[in-house]
Amino acid sequence: MSPVREPSTDLALLKLRHNKALDKLEQDRADRELLERLKLARRGQWLGFASLMLILGTVVLLAMTGHDLVAAAVAVPGVIAIVGVFVTGQMKMPASLLPGRVNKSAAAQPATESATN
């Protein structure tokens, strides 16, 4: 004879399997989001590098043709703008987008749910 399981045991097993499936889906979503953020950061770095090279090429061309003041007028604001974008872009990133950060209210939620069940 096979042992008879109580309905509450079956329900608990179903809840456990459901929670594991949801955890896997959440982890997959988080992995995809991280990859997208990395792609975006990589693209931004390439665009920043390309614009810096364009500014430096323009400055060199202007300096070689004898337009030293115009070269300086292009170089200083251009380099300051590019460096400023990179520095403030890193400083103003929302905490929710930083890797390794956990929303404290979301982390505390499962503990309160299990306490009420």
PDB file of N, CA and C in Angstrom:
ATOM      1  N   MET A   1       0.823  -1.189   0.000  1.00  0.00           N
ATOM      2  CA  MET A   1       0.000   0.000   0.000  1.00  0.00           C
ATOM      3  C   MET A   1       0.868   1.255   0.000  1.00  0.00           C
ATOM      4  N   SER A   2       0.469   2.183  -0.782  1.00  0.00           N
ATOM      5  CA  SER A   2       1.198   3.442  -0.793  1.00  0.00           C
ATOM      6  C   SER A   2       0.638   4.358   0.291  1.00  0.00           C
ATOM      7  N   PRO A   3       1.540   5.105   0.906  1.00  0.00           N
ATOM      8  CA  PRO A   3       1.062   6.008   1.954  1.00  0.00           C
ATOM      9  C   PRO A   3       0.172   7.098   1.353  1.00  0.00           C
ATOM     10  N   VAL A   4      -0.827   7.463   2.081  1.00  0.00           N
ATOM     11  CA  VAL A   4      -1.765   8.489   1.635  1.00  0.00           C
ATOM     12  C   VAL A   4      -1.268   9.834   2.137  1.00  0.00           C
ATOM     13  N   ARG A   5      -1.102  10.757   1.208  1.00  0.00           N
ATOM     14  CA  ARG A   5      -0.675  12.101   1.601  1.00  0.00           C
ATOM     15  C   ARG A   5      -1.885  12.948   1.899  1.00  0.00           C
ATOM     16  N   GLU A   6      -1.678  13.818   2.836  1.00  0.00           N
ATOM     17  CA  GLU A   6      -2.762  14.745   3.159  1.00  0.00           C
ATOM     18  C   GLU A   6      -2.777  15.866   2.135  1.00  0.00           C
ATOM     19  N   PRO A   7      -3.932  16.469   1.884  1.00  0.00           N
ATOM     20  CA  PRO A   7      -4.019  17.557   0.894  1.00  0.00           C
ATOM     21  C   PRO A   7      -3.104  18.736   1.231  1.00  0.00           C
ATOM     22  N   SER A   8      -2.887  18.998   2.508  1.00  0.00           N
ATOM     23  CA  SER A   8      -2.032  20.135   2.874  1.00  0.00           C
ATOM     24  C   SER A   8      -0.585  19.877   2.463  1.00  0.00           C
ATOM     25  N   THR A   9      -0.157  18.602   2.493  1.00  0.00           N
ATOM     26  CA  THR A   9       1.200  18.260   2.065  1.00  0.00           C
ATOM     27  C   THR A   9       1.337  18.483   0.559  1.00  0.00           C
ATOM     28  N   ASP A  10       0.331  18.062  -0.203  1.00  0.00           N
ATOM     29  CA  ASP A  10       0.357  18.287  -1.647  1.00  0.00           C
ATOM     30  C   ASP A  10       0.375  19.775  -1.972  1.00  0.00           C
ATOM     31  N   LEU A  11      -0.390  20.541  -1.243  1.00  0.00           N
ATOM     32  CA  LEU A  11      -0.443  21.991  -1.457  1.00  0.00           C
ATOM     33  C   LEU A  11       0.905  22.624  -1.134  1.00  0.00           C
ATOM     34  N   ALA A  12       1.514  22.183  -0.050  1.00  0.00           N
ATOM     35  CA  ALA A  12       2.825  22.727   0.320  1.00  0.00           C
ATOM     36  C   ALA A  12       3.863  22.384  -0.742  1.00  0.00           C
ATOM     37  N   LEU A  13       3.809  21.168  -1.281  1.00  0.00           N
ATOM     38  CA  LEU A  13       4.736  20.759  -2.331  1.00  0.00           C
ATOM     39  C   LEU A  13       4.515  21.577  -3.600  1.00  0.00           C
ATOM     40  N   LEU A  14       3.273  21.820  -3.954  1.00  0.00           N
ATOM     41  CA  LEU A  14       2.970  22.646  -5.119  1.00  0.00           C
ATOM     42  C   LEU A  14       3.467  24.081  -4.923  1.00  0.00           C
ATOM     43  N   LYS A  15       3.276  24.628  -3.726  1.00  0.00           N
ATOM     44  CA  LYS A  15       3.754  25.994  -3.443  1.00  0.00           C
ATOM     45  C   LYS A  15       5.269  26.059  -3.550  1.00  0.00           C
ATOM     46  N   LEU A  16       5.947  25.023  -3.041  1.00  0.00           N
ATOM     47  CA  LEU A  16       7.407  24.996  -3.103  1.00  0.00           C
ATOM     48  C   LEU A  16       7.888  24.967  -4.551  1.00  0.00           C
ATOM     49  N   ARG A  17       7.293  24.106  -5.370  1.00  0.00           N
ATOM     50  CA  ARG A  17       7.669  24.027  -6.782  1.00  0.00           C
ATOM     51  C   ARG A  17       7.374  25.343  -7.503  1.00  0.00           C
ATOM     52  N   HIS A  18       6.242  25.949  -7.170  1.00  0.00           N
ATOM     53  CA  HIS A  18       5.869  27.226  -7.782  1.00  0.00           C
ATOM     54  C   HIS A  18       6.879  28.315  -7.410  1.00  0.00           C
ATOM     55  N   ASN A  19       7.261  28.378  -6.146  1.00  0.00           N
ATOM     56  CA  ASN A  19       8.223  29.387  -5.701  1.00  0.00           C
ATOM     57  C   ASN A  19       9.585  29.183  -6.356  1.00  0.00           C
ATOM     58  N   LYS A  20      10.004  27.923  -6.512  1.00  0.00           N
ATOM     59  CA  LYS A  20      11.282  27.661  -7.183  1.00  0.00           C
ATOM     60  C   LYS A  20      11.228  28.116  -8.640  1.00  0.00           C
ATOM     61  N   ALA A  21      10.117  27.853  -9.308  1.00  0.00           N
ATOM     62  CA  ALA A  21       9.966  28.276 -10.702  1.00  0.00           C
ATOM     63  C   ALA A  21       9.985  29.800 -10.809  1.00  0.00           C
ATOM     64  N   LEU A  22       9.309  30.478  -9.874  1.00  0.00           N
ATOM     65  CA  LEU A  22       9.315  31.949  -9.887  1.00  0.00           C
ATOM     66  C   LEU A  22      10.711  32.500  -9.616  1.00  0.00           C
ATOM     67  N   ASP A  23      11.448  31.871  -8.692  1.00  0.00           N
ATOM     68  CA  ASP A  23      12.812  32.308  -8.406  1.00  0.00           C
ATOM     69  C   ASP A  23      13.693  32.170  -9.639  1.00  0.00           C
ATOM     70  N   LYS A  24      13.539  31.074 -10.372  1.00  0.00           N
ATOM     71  CA  LYS A  24      14.317  30.858 -11.594  1.00  0.00           C
ATOM     72  C   LYS A  24      13.970  31.918 -12.635  1.00  0.00           C
ATOM     73  N   LEU A  25      12.690  32.203 -12.807  1.00  0.00           N
ATOM     74  CA  LEU A  25      12.280  33.231 -13.768  1.00  0.00           C
ATOM     75  C   LEU A  25      12.819  34.602 -13.383  1.00  0.00           C
ATOM     76  N   GLU A  26      12.785  34.916 -12.096  1.00  0.00           N
ATOM     77  CA  GLU A  26      13.290  36.208 -11.617  1.00  0.00           C
ATOM     78  C   GLU A  26      14.793  36.307 -11.846  1.00  0.00           C
ATOM     79  N   GLN A  27      15.517  35.227 -11.592  1.00  0.00           N
ATOM     80  CA  GLN A  27      16.961  35.239 -11.815  1.00  0.00           C
ATOM     81  C   GLN A  27      17.278  35.397 -13.299  1.00  0.00           C
ATOM     82  N   ASP A  28      16.525  34.726 -14.164  1.00  0.00           N
ATOM     83  CA  ASP A  28      16.723  34.873 -15.609  1.00  0.00           C
ATOM     84  C   ASP A  28      16.465  36.306 -16.053  1.00  0.00           C
ATOM     85  N   ARG A  29      15.418  36.928 -15.519  1.00  0.00           N
ATOM     86  CA  ARG A  29      15.106  38.307 -15.857  1.00  0.00           C
ATOM     87  C   ARG A  29      16.225  39.245 -15.386  1.00  0.00           C
ATOM     88  N   ALA A  30      16.730  39.003 -14.183  1.00  0.00           N
ATOM     89  CA  ALA A  30      17.814  39.835 -13.652  1.00  0.00           C
ATOM     90  C   ALA A  30      19.081  39.676 -14.491  1.00  0.00           C
ATOM     91  N   ASP A  31      19.359  38.461 -14.950  1.00  0.00           N
ATOM     92  CA  ASP A  31      20.527  38.234 -15.799  1.00  0.00           C
ATOM     93  C   ASP A  31      20.397  38.965 -17.133  1.00  0.00           C
ATOM     94  N   ARG A  32      19.190  38.898 -17.735  1.00  0.00           N
ATOM     95  CA  ARG A  32      18.971  39.612 -18.997  1.00  0.00           C
ATOM     96  C   ARG A  32      19.115  41.124 -18.809  1.00  0.00           C
ATOM     97  N   GLU A  33      18.601  41.636 -17.694  1.00  0.00           N
ATOM     98  CA  GLU A  33      18.695  43.072 -17.421  1.00  0.00           C
ATOM     99  C   GLU A  33      20.147  43.495 -17.244  1.00  0.00           C
ATOM    100  N   LEU A  34      20.930  42.681 -16.558  1.00  0.00           N
ATOM    101  CA  LEU A  34      22.344  42.993 -16.365  1.00  0.00           C
ATOM    102  C   LEU A  34      23.083  43.009 -17.697  1.00  0.00           C
ATOM    103  N   LEU A  35      22.797  42.050 -18.559  1.00  0.00           N
ATOM    104  CA  LEU A  35      23.435  42.019 -19.875  1.00  0.00           C
ATOM    105  C   LEU A  35      23.071  43.255 -20.700  1.00  0.00           C
ATOM    106  N   GLU A  36      21.819  43.679 -20.631  1.00  0.00           N
ATOM    107  CA  GLU A  36      21.401  44.883 -21.364  1.00  0.00           C
ATOM    108  C   GLU A  36      22.127  46.120 -20.839  1.00  0.00           C
ATOM    109  N   ARG A  37      22.275  46.209 -19.500  1.00  0.00           N
ATOM    110  CA  ARG A  37      22.988  47.351 -18.929  1.00  0.00           C
ATOM    111  C   ARG A  37      24.451  47.352 -19.349  1.00  0.00           C
ATOM    112  N   LEU A  38      25.059  46.161 -19.417  1.00  0.00           N
ATOM    113  CA  LEU A  38      26.448  46.073 -19.852  1.00  0.00           C
ATOM    114  C   LEU A  38      26.602  46.488 -21.312  1.00  0.00           C
ATOM    115  N   LYS A  39      25.647  46.058 -22.171  1.00  0.00           N
ATOM    116  CA  LYS A  39      25.681  46.463 -23.578  1.00  0.00           C
ATOM    117  C   LYS A  39      25.565  47.978 -23.706  1.00  0.00           C
ATOM    118  N   LEU A  40      24.653  48.556 -22.936  1.00  0.00           N
ATOM    119  CA  LEU A  40      24.449  50.003 -22.984  1.00  0.00           C
ATOM    120  C   LEU A  40      25.694  50.746 -22.506  1.00  0.00           C
ATOM    121  N   ALA A  41      26.312  50.267 -21.446  1.00  0.00           N
ATOM    122  CA  ALA A  41      27.526  50.909 -20.934  1.00  0.00           C
ATOM    123  C   ALA A  41      28.660  50.801 -21.949  1.00  0.00           C
ATOM    124  N   ARG A  42      28.780  49.635 -22.576  1.00  0.00           N
ATOM    125  CA  ARG A  42      29.838  49.434 -23.576  1.00  0.00           C
ATOM    126  C   ARG A  42      29.621  50.375 -24.768  1.00  0.00           C
ATOM    127  N   ARG A  43      28.372  50.499 -25.207  1.00  0.00           N
ATOM    128  CA  ARG A  43      28.064  51.385 -26.326  1.00  0.00           C
ATOM    129  C   ARG A  43      28.391  52.838 -25.959  1.00  0.00           C
ATOM    130  N   GLY A  44      28.046  53.233 -24.748  1.00  0.00           N
ATOM    131  CA  GLY A  44      28.341  54.590 -24.301  1.00  0.00           C
ATOM    132  C   GLY A  44      29.832  54.868 -24.246  1.00  0.00           C
ATOM    133  N   GLN A  45      30.595  53.864 -23.831  1.00  0.00           N
ATOM    134  CA  GLN A  45      32.045  54.054 -23.796  1.00  0.00           C
ATOM    135  C   GLN A  45      32.616  54.218 -25.200  1.00  0.00           C
ATOM    136  N   TRP A  46      32.117  53.435 -26.148  1.00  0.00           N
ATOM    137  CA  TRP A  46      32.589  53.570 -27.519  1.00  0.00           C
ATOM    138  C   TRP A  46      32.203  54.923 -28.118  1.00  0.00           C
ATOM    139  N   LEU A  47      30.990  55.368 -27.841  1.00  0.00           N
ATOM    140  CA  LEU A  47      30.570  56.677 -28.359  1.00  0.00           C
ATOM    141  C   LEU A  47      31.396  57.798 -27.724  1.00  0.00           C
ATOM    142  N   GLY A  48      31.674  57.695 -26.441  1.00  0.00           N
ATOM    143  CA  GLY A  48      32.512  58.689 -25.771  1.00  0.00           C
ATOM    144  C   GLY A  48      33.921  58.713 -26.350  1.00  0.00           C
ATOM    145  N   PHE A  49      34.463  57.526 -26.589  1.00  0.00           N
ATOM    146  CA  PHE A  49      35.803  57.437 -27.175  1.00  0.00           C
ATOM    147  C   PHE A  49      35.818  58.041 -28.579  1.00  0.00           C
ATOM    148  N   ALA A  50      34.801  57.720 -29.380  1.00  0.00           N
ATOM    149  CA  ALA A  50      34.741  58.243 -30.749  1.00  0.00           C
ATOM    150  C   ALA A  50      34.620  59.767 -30.755  1.00  0.00           C
ATOM    151  N   SER A  51      33.788  60.313 -29.866  1.00  0.00           N
ATOM    152  CA  SER A  51      33.644  61.770 -29.837  1.00  0.00           C
ATOM    153  C   SER A  51      34.921  62.439 -29.338  1.00  0.00           C
ATOM    154  N   LEU A  52      35.612  61.805 -28.402  1.00  0.00           N
ATOM    155  CA  LEU A  52      36.888  62.358 -27.932  1.00  0.00           C
ATOM    156  C   LEU A  52      37.913  62.357 -29.060  1.00  0.00           C
ATOM    157  N   MET A  53      37.969  61.285 -29.844  1.00  0.00           N
ATOM    158  CA  MET A  53      38.902  61.219 -30.964  1.00  0.00           C
ATOM    159  C   MET A  53      38.558  62.270 -32.026  1.00  0.00           C
ATOM    160  N   LEU A  54      37.266  62.485 -32.260  1.00  0.00           N
ATOM    161  CA  LEU A  54      36.839  63.499 -33.220  1.00  0.00           C
ATOM    162  C   LEU A  54      37.262  64.890 -32.749  1.00  0.00           C
ATOM    163  N   ILE A  55      37.088  65.169 -31.485  1.00  0.00           N
ATOM    164  CA  ILE A  55      37.490  66.476 -30.946  1.00  0.00           C
ATOM    165  C   ILE A  55      39.000  66.637 -31.034  1.00  0.00           C
ATOM    166  N   LEU A  56      39.739  65.585 -30.651  1.00  0.00           N
ATOM    167  CA  LEU A  56      41.203  65.688 -30.705  1.00  0.00           C
ATOM    168  C   LEU A  56      41.700  65.843 -32.143  1.00  0.00           C
ATOM    169  N   GLY A  57      41.059  65.137 -33.089  1.00  0.00           N
ATOM    170  CA  GLY A  57      41.439  65.295 -34.499  1.00  0.00           C
ATOM    171  C   GLY A  57      41.191  66.714 -34.984  1.00  0.00           C
ATOM    172  N   THR A  58      40.064  67.269 -34.599  1.00  0.00           N
ATOM    173  CA  THR A  58      39.752  68.646 -34.979  1.00  0.00           C
ATOM    174  C   THR A  58      40.751  69.624 -34.375  1.00  0.00           C
ATOM    175  N   VAL A  59      41.097  69.406 -33.112  1.00  0.00           N
ATOM    176  CA  VAL A  59      42.056  70.294 -32.435  1.00  0.00           C
ATOM    177  C   VAL A  59      43.429  70.215 -33.105  1.00  0.00           C
ATOM    178  N   VAL A  60      43.869  69.011 -33.416  1.00  0.00           N
ATOM    179  CA  VAL A  60      45.177  68.854 -34.067  1.00  0.00           C
ATOM    180  C   VAL A  60      45.166  69.528 -35.433  1.00  0.00           C
ATOM    181  N   LEU A  61      44.104  69.324 -36.191  1.00  0.00           N
ATOM    182  CA  LEU A  61      44.002  69.941 -37.510  1.00  0.00           C
ATOM    183  C   LEU A  61      44.027  71.470 -37.405  1.00  0.00           C
ATOM    184  N   LEU A  62      43.262  71.997 -36.448  1.00  0.00           N
ATOM    185  CA  LEU A  62      43.248  73.461 -36.273  1.00  0.00           C
ATOM    186  C   LEU A  62      44.614  73.975 -35.832  1.00  0.00           C
ATOM    187  N   ALA A  63      45.269  73.246 -34.928  1.00  0.00           N
ATOM    188  CA  ALA A  63      46.581  73.692 -34.448  1.00  0.00           C
ATOM    189  C   ALA A  63      47.625  73.636 -35.560  1.00  0.00           C
ATOM    190  N   MET A  64      47.548  72.613 -36.410  1.00  0.00           N
ATOM    191  CA  MET A  64      48.528  72.486 -37.506  1.00  0.00           C
ATOM    192  C   MET A  64      48.337  73.558 -38.588  1.00  0.00           C
ATOM    193  N   THR A  65      47.122  74.058 -38.703  1.00  0.00           N
ATOM    194  CA  THR A  65      46.871  75.087 -39.716  1.00  0.00           C
ATOM    195  C   THR A  65      47.051  76.501 -39.163  1.00  0.00           C
ATOM    196  N   GLY A  66      47.518  76.601 -37.922  1.00  0.00           N
ATOM    197  CA  GLY A  66      47.831  77.908 -37.364  1.00  0.00           C
ATOM    198  C   GLY A  66      46.708  78.554 -36.574  1.00  0.00           C
ATOM    199  N   HIS A  67      45.656  77.856 -36.285  1.00  0.00           N
ATOM    200  CA  HIS A  67      44.538  78.412 -35.521  1.00  0.00           C
ATOM    201  C   HIS A  67      44.605  77.917 -34.068  1.00  0.00           C
ATOM    202  N   ASP A  68      45.638  78.382 -33.381  1.00  0.00           N
ATOM    203  CA  ASP A  68      45.882  77.895 -32.023  1.00  0.00           C
ATOM    204  C   ASP A  68      44.761  78.271 -31.050  1.00  0.00           C
ATOM    205  N   LEU A  69      44.288  79.509 -31.114  1.00  0.00           N
ATOM    206  CA  LEU A  69      43.237  79.937 -30.191  1.00  0.00           C
ATOM    207  C   LEU A  69      41.924  79.195 -30.444  1.00  0.00           C
ATOM    208  N   VAL A  70      41.604  78.977 -31.710  1.00  0.00           N
ATOM    209  CA  VAL A  70      40.384  78.230 -32.029  1.00  0.00           C
ATOM    210  C   VAL A  70      40.527  76.781 -31.580  1.00  0.00           C
ATOM    211  N   ALA A  71      41.721  76.201 -31.745  1.00  0.00           N
ATOM    212  CA  ALA A  71      41.972  74.828 -31.294  1.00  0.00           C
ATOM    213  C   ALA A  71      41.761  74.722 -29.785  1.00  0.00           C
ATOM    214  N   ALA A  72      42.271  75.688 -29.054  1.00  0.00           N
ATOM    215  CA  ALA A  72      42.088  75.682 -27.593  1.00  0.00           C
ATOM    216  C   ALA A  72      40.617  75.880 -27.236  1.00  0.00           C
ATOM    217  N   ALA A  73      39.938  76.741 -27.999  1.00  0.00           N
ATOM    218  CA  ALA A  73      38.522  76.994 -27.723  1.00  0.00           C
ATOM    219  C   ALA A  73      37.671  75.753 -27.993  1.00  0.00           C
ATOM    220  N   VAL A  74      38.094  74.906 -28.909  1.00  0.00           N
ATOM    221  CA  VAL A  74      37.369  73.666 -29.180  1.00  0.00           C
ATOM    222  C   VAL A  74      37.768  72.591 -28.175  1.00  0.00           C
ATOM    223  N   ALA A  75      39.046  72.508 -27.857  1.00  0.00           N
ATOM    224  CA  ALA A  75      39.565  71.423 -27.009  1.00  0.00           C
ATOM    225  C   ALA A  75      39.061  71.500 -25.573  1.00  0.00           C
ATOM    226  N   VAL A  76      39.188  72.659 -24.970  1.00  0.00           N
ATOM    227  CA  VAL A  76      38.878  72.765 -23.536  1.00  0.00           C
ATOM    228  C   VAL A  76      37.413  72.432 -23.234  1.00  0.00           C
ATOM    229  N   PRO A  77      36.438  73.079 -23.852  1.00  0.00           N
ATOM    230  CA  PRO A  77      35.052  72.719 -23.523  1.00  0.00           C
ATOM    231  C   PRO A  77      34.684  71.294 -23.939  1.00  0.00           C
ATOM    232  N   GLY A  78      35.240  70.844 -25.072  1.00  0.00           N
ATOM    233  CA  GLY A  78      34.915  69.496 -25.532  1.00  0.00           C
ATOM    234  C   GLY A  78      35.391  68.423 -24.578  1.00  0.00           C
ATOM    235  N   VAL A  79      36.635  68.538 -24.137  1.00  0.00           N
ATOM    236  CA  VAL A  79      37.183  67.548 -23.203  1.00  0.00           C
ATOM    237  C   VAL A  79      36.485  67.649 -21.856  1.00  0.00           C
ATOM    238  N   ILE A  80      36.226  68.853 -21.398  1.00  0.00           N
ATOM    239  CA  ILE A  80      35.526  69.028 -20.112  1.00  0.00           C
ATOM    240  C   ILE A  80      34.125  68.410 -20.186  1.00  0.00           C
ATOM    241  N   ALA A  81      33.446  68.608 -21.309  1.00  0.00           N
ATOM    242  CA  ALA A  81      32.097  68.051 -21.451  1.00  0.00           C
ATOM    243  C   ALA A  81      32.121  66.528 -21.434  1.00  0.00           C
ATOM    244  N   ILE A  82      33.044  65.922 -22.154  1.00  0.00           N
ATOM    245  CA  ILE A  82      33.099  64.461 -22.215  1.00  0.00           C
ATOM    246  C   ILE A  82      33.474  63.879 -20.854  1.00  0.00           C
ATOM    247  N   VAL A  83      34.469  64.441 -20.211  1.00  0.00           N
ATOM    248  CA  VAL A  83      34.863  63.957 -18.882  1.00  0.00           C
ATOM    249  C   VAL A  83      33.720  64.181 -17.891  1.00  0.00           C
ATOM    250  N   GLY A  84      33.064  65.322 -17.989  1.00  0.00           N
ATOM    251  CA  GLY A  84      31.944  65.606 -17.089  1.00  0.00           C
ATOM    252  C   GLY A  84      30.799  64.625 -17.239  1.00  0.00           C
ATOM    253  N   VAL A  85      30.508  64.239 -18.476  1.00  0.00           N
ATOM    254  CA  VAL A  85      29.434  63.266 -18.708  1.00  0.00           C
ATOM    255  C   VAL A  85      29.785  61.927 -18.078  1.00  0.00           C
ATOM    256  N   PHE A  86      31.012  61.498 -18.234  1.00  0.00           N
ATOM    257  CA  PHE A  86      31.402  60.214 -17.656  1.00  0.00           C
ATOM    258  C   PHE A  86      31.400  60.260 -16.134  1.00  0.00           C
ATOM    259  N   VAL A  87      31.906  61.338 -15.554  1.00  0.00           N
ATOM    260  CA  VAL A  87      31.978  61.425 -14.094  1.00  0.00           C
ATOM    261  C   VAL A  87      30.579  61.555 -13.496  1.00  0.00           C
ATOM    262  N   THR A  88      29.769  62.479 -13.994  1.00  0.00           N
ATOM    263  CA  THR A  88      28.434  62.651 -13.418  1.00  0.00           C
ATOM    264  C   THR A  88      27.517  61.497 -13.768  1.00  0.00           C
ATOM    265  N   GLY A  89      27.740  60.849 -14.892  1.00  0.00           N
ATOM    266  CA  GLY A  89      26.945  59.680 -15.249  1.00  0.00           C
ATOM    267  C   GLY A  89      27.145  58.558 -14.245  1.00  0.00           C
ATOM    268  N   GLN A  90      28.338  58.408 -13.738  1.00  0.00           N
ATOM    269  CA  GLN A  90      28.609  57.384 -12.733  1.00  0.00           C
ATOM    270  C   GLN A  90      28.081  57.797 -11.372  1.00  0.00           C
ATOM    271  N   MET A  91      28.139  59.082 -11.062  1.00  0.00           N
ATOM    272  CA  MET A  91      27.737  59.541  -9.742  1.00  0.00           C
ATOM    273  C   MET A  91      26.223  59.600  -9.591  1.00  0.00           C
ATOM    274  N   LYS A  92      25.487  59.859 -10.665  1.00  0.00           N
ATOM    275  CA  LYS A  92      24.046  60.056 -10.577  1.00  0.00           C
ATOM    276  C   LYS A  92      23.246  58.817 -10.941  1.00  0.00           C
ATOM    277  N   MET A  93      23.908  57.666 -11.113  1.00  0.00           N
ATOM    278  CA  MET A  93      23.181  56.453 -11.466  1.00  0.00           C
ATOM    279  C   MET A  93      22.272  56.050 -10.311  1.00  0.00           C
ATOM    280  N   PRO A  94      20.991  55.780 -10.585  1.00  0.00           N
ATOM    281  CA  PRO A  94      20.077  55.393  -9.514  1.00  0.00           C
ATOM    282  C   PRO A  94      20.539  54.104  -8.838  1.00  0.00           C
ATOM    283  N   ALA A  95      20.302  54.018  -7.535  1.00  0.00           N
ATOM    284  CA  ALA A  95      20.739  52.850  -6.780  1.00  0.00           C
ATOM    285  C   ALA A  95      20.085  51.575  -7.279  1.00  0.00           C
ATOM    286  N   SER A  96      18.877  51.685  -7.836  1.00  0.00           N
ATOM    287  CA  SER A  96      18.190  50.491  -8.330  1.00  0.00           C
ATOM    288  C   SER A  96      18.880  49.900  -9.554  1.00  0.00           C
ATOM    289  N   LEU A  97      19.702  50.702 -10.266  1.00  0.00           N
ATOM    290  CA  LEU A  97      20.391  50.202 -11.444  1.00  0.00           C
ATOM    291  C   LEU A  97      21.780  49.670 -11.145  1.00  0.00           C
ATOM    292  N   LEU A  98      22.281  49.941  -9.948  1.00  0.00           N
ATOM    293  CA  LEU A  98      23.607  49.467  -9.611  1.00  0.00           C
ATOM    294  C   LEU A  98      23.576  47.974  -9.342  1.00  0.00           C
ATOM    295  N   PRO A  99      24.547  47.226  -9.885  1.00  0.00           N
ATOM    296  CA  PRO A  99      24.556  45.783  -9.638  1.00  0.00           C
ATOM    297  C   PRO A  99      24.846  45.489  -8.176  1.00  0.00           C
ATOM    298  N   GLY A 100      24.218  44.458  -7.661  1.00  0.00           N
ATOM    299  CA  GLY A 100      24.455  44.040  -6.285  1.00  0.00           C
ATOM    300  C   GLY A 100      23.584  44.742  -5.273  1.00  0.00           C
ATOM    301  N   ARG A 101      22.777  45.694  -5.694  1.00  0.00           N
ATOM    302  CA  ARG A 101      21.893  46.404  -4.771  1.00  0.00           C
ATOM    303  C   ARG A 101      20.577  45.662  -4.671  1.00  0.00           C
ATOM    304  N   VAL A 102      20.047  45.572  -3.461  1.00  0.00           N
ATOM    305  CA  VAL A 102      18.774  44.892  -3.246  1.00  0.00           C
ATOM    306  C   VAL A 102      17.799  45.890  -2.665  1.00  0.00           C
ATOM    307  N   ASN A 103      16.595  45.877  -3.199  1.00  0.00           N
ATOM    308  CA  ASN A 103      15.539  46.719  -2.671  1.00  0.00           C
ATOM    309  C   ASN A 103      15.157  46.179  -1.299  1.00  0.00           C
ATOM    310  N   LYS A 104      15.354  46.972  -0.240  1.00  0.00           N
ATOM    311  CA  LYS A 104      15.135  46.479   1.113  1.00  0.00           C
ATOM    312  C   LYS A 104      13.689  46.100   1.370  1.00  0.00           C
ATOM    313  N   SER A 105      12.748  46.810   0.791  1.00  0.00           N
ATOM    314  CA  SER A 105      11.346  46.464   1.012  1.00  0.00           C
ATOM    315  C   SER A 105      11.003  45.150   0.325  1.00  0.00           C
ATOM    316  N   ALA A 106      11.597  44.899  -0.843  1.00  0.00           N
ATOM    317  CA  ALA A 106      11.342  43.636  -1.537  1.00  0.00           C
ATOM    318  C   ALA A 106      12.021  42.483  -0.823  1.00  0.00           C
ATOM    319  N   ALA A 107      13.193  42.735  -0.230  1.00  0.00           N
ATOM    320  CA  ALA A 107      13.904  41.666   0.479  1.00  0.00           C
ATOM    321  C   ALA A 107      13.189  41.302   1.765  1.00  0.00           C
ATOM    322  N   ALA A 108      12.535  42.252   2.385  1.00  0.00           N
ATOM    323  CA  ALA A 108      11.835  41.990   3.645  1.00  0.00           C
ATOM    324  C   ALA A 108      10.471  41.369   3.409  1.00  0.00           C
ATOM    325  N   GLN A 109       9.943  41.476   2.211  1.00  0.00           N
ATOM    326  CA  GLN A 109       8.591  41.001   1.929  1.00  0.00           C
ATOM    327  C   GLN A 109       8.425  39.499   2.132  1.00  0.00           C
ATOM    328  N   PRO A 110       9.331  38.616   1.635  1.00  0.00           N
ATOM    329  CA  PRO A 110       9.120  37.197   1.834  1.00  0.00           C
ATOM    330  C   PRO A 110       9.094  36.803   3.313  1.00  0.00           C
ATOM    331  N   ALA A 111       9.853  37.496   4.149  1.00  0.00           N
ATOM    332  CA  ALA A 111       9.867  37.173   5.567  1.00  0.00           C
ATOM    333  C   ALA A 111       8.507  37.464   6.195  1.00  0.00           C
ATOM    334  N   THR A 112       7.851  38.552   5.774  1.00  0.00           N
ATOM    335  CA  THR A 112       6.547  38.875   6.344  1.00  0.00           C
ATOM    336  C   THR A 112       5.479  37.939   5.805  1.00  0.00           C
ATOM    337  N   GLU A 113       5.637  37.483   4.551  1.00  0.00           N
ATOM    338  CA  GLU A 113       4.662  36.551   3.996  1.00  0.00           C
ATOM    339  C   GLU A 113       4.718  35.215   4.715  1.00  0.00           C
ATOM    340  N   SER A 114       5.932  34.715   4.980  1.00  0.00           N
ATOM    341  CA  SER A 114       6.038  33.424   5.634  1.00  0.00           C
ATOM    342  C   SER A 114       5.558  33.500   7.076  1.00  0.00           C
ATOM    343  N   ALA A 115       5.674  34.668   7.683  1.00  0.00           N
ATOM    344  CA  ALA A 115       5.204  34.820   9.059  1.00  0.00           C
ATOM    345  C   ALA A 115       3.683  34.810   9.132  1.00  0.00           C
ATOM    346  N   THR A 116       3.036  35.272   8.055  1.00  0.00           N
ATOM    347  CA  THR A 116       1.574  35.310   8.082  1.00  0.00           C
ATOM    348  C   THR A 116       0.965  33.985   7.682  1.00  0.00           C
ATOM    349  N   ASN A 117       1.708  33.123   6.964  1.00  0.00           N
ATOM    350  CA  ASN A 117       1.184  31.818   6.527  1.00  0.00           C
ATOM    351  C   ASN A 117       1.234  30.796   7.608  1.00  0.00           C
TER     352      ASN A 117
END
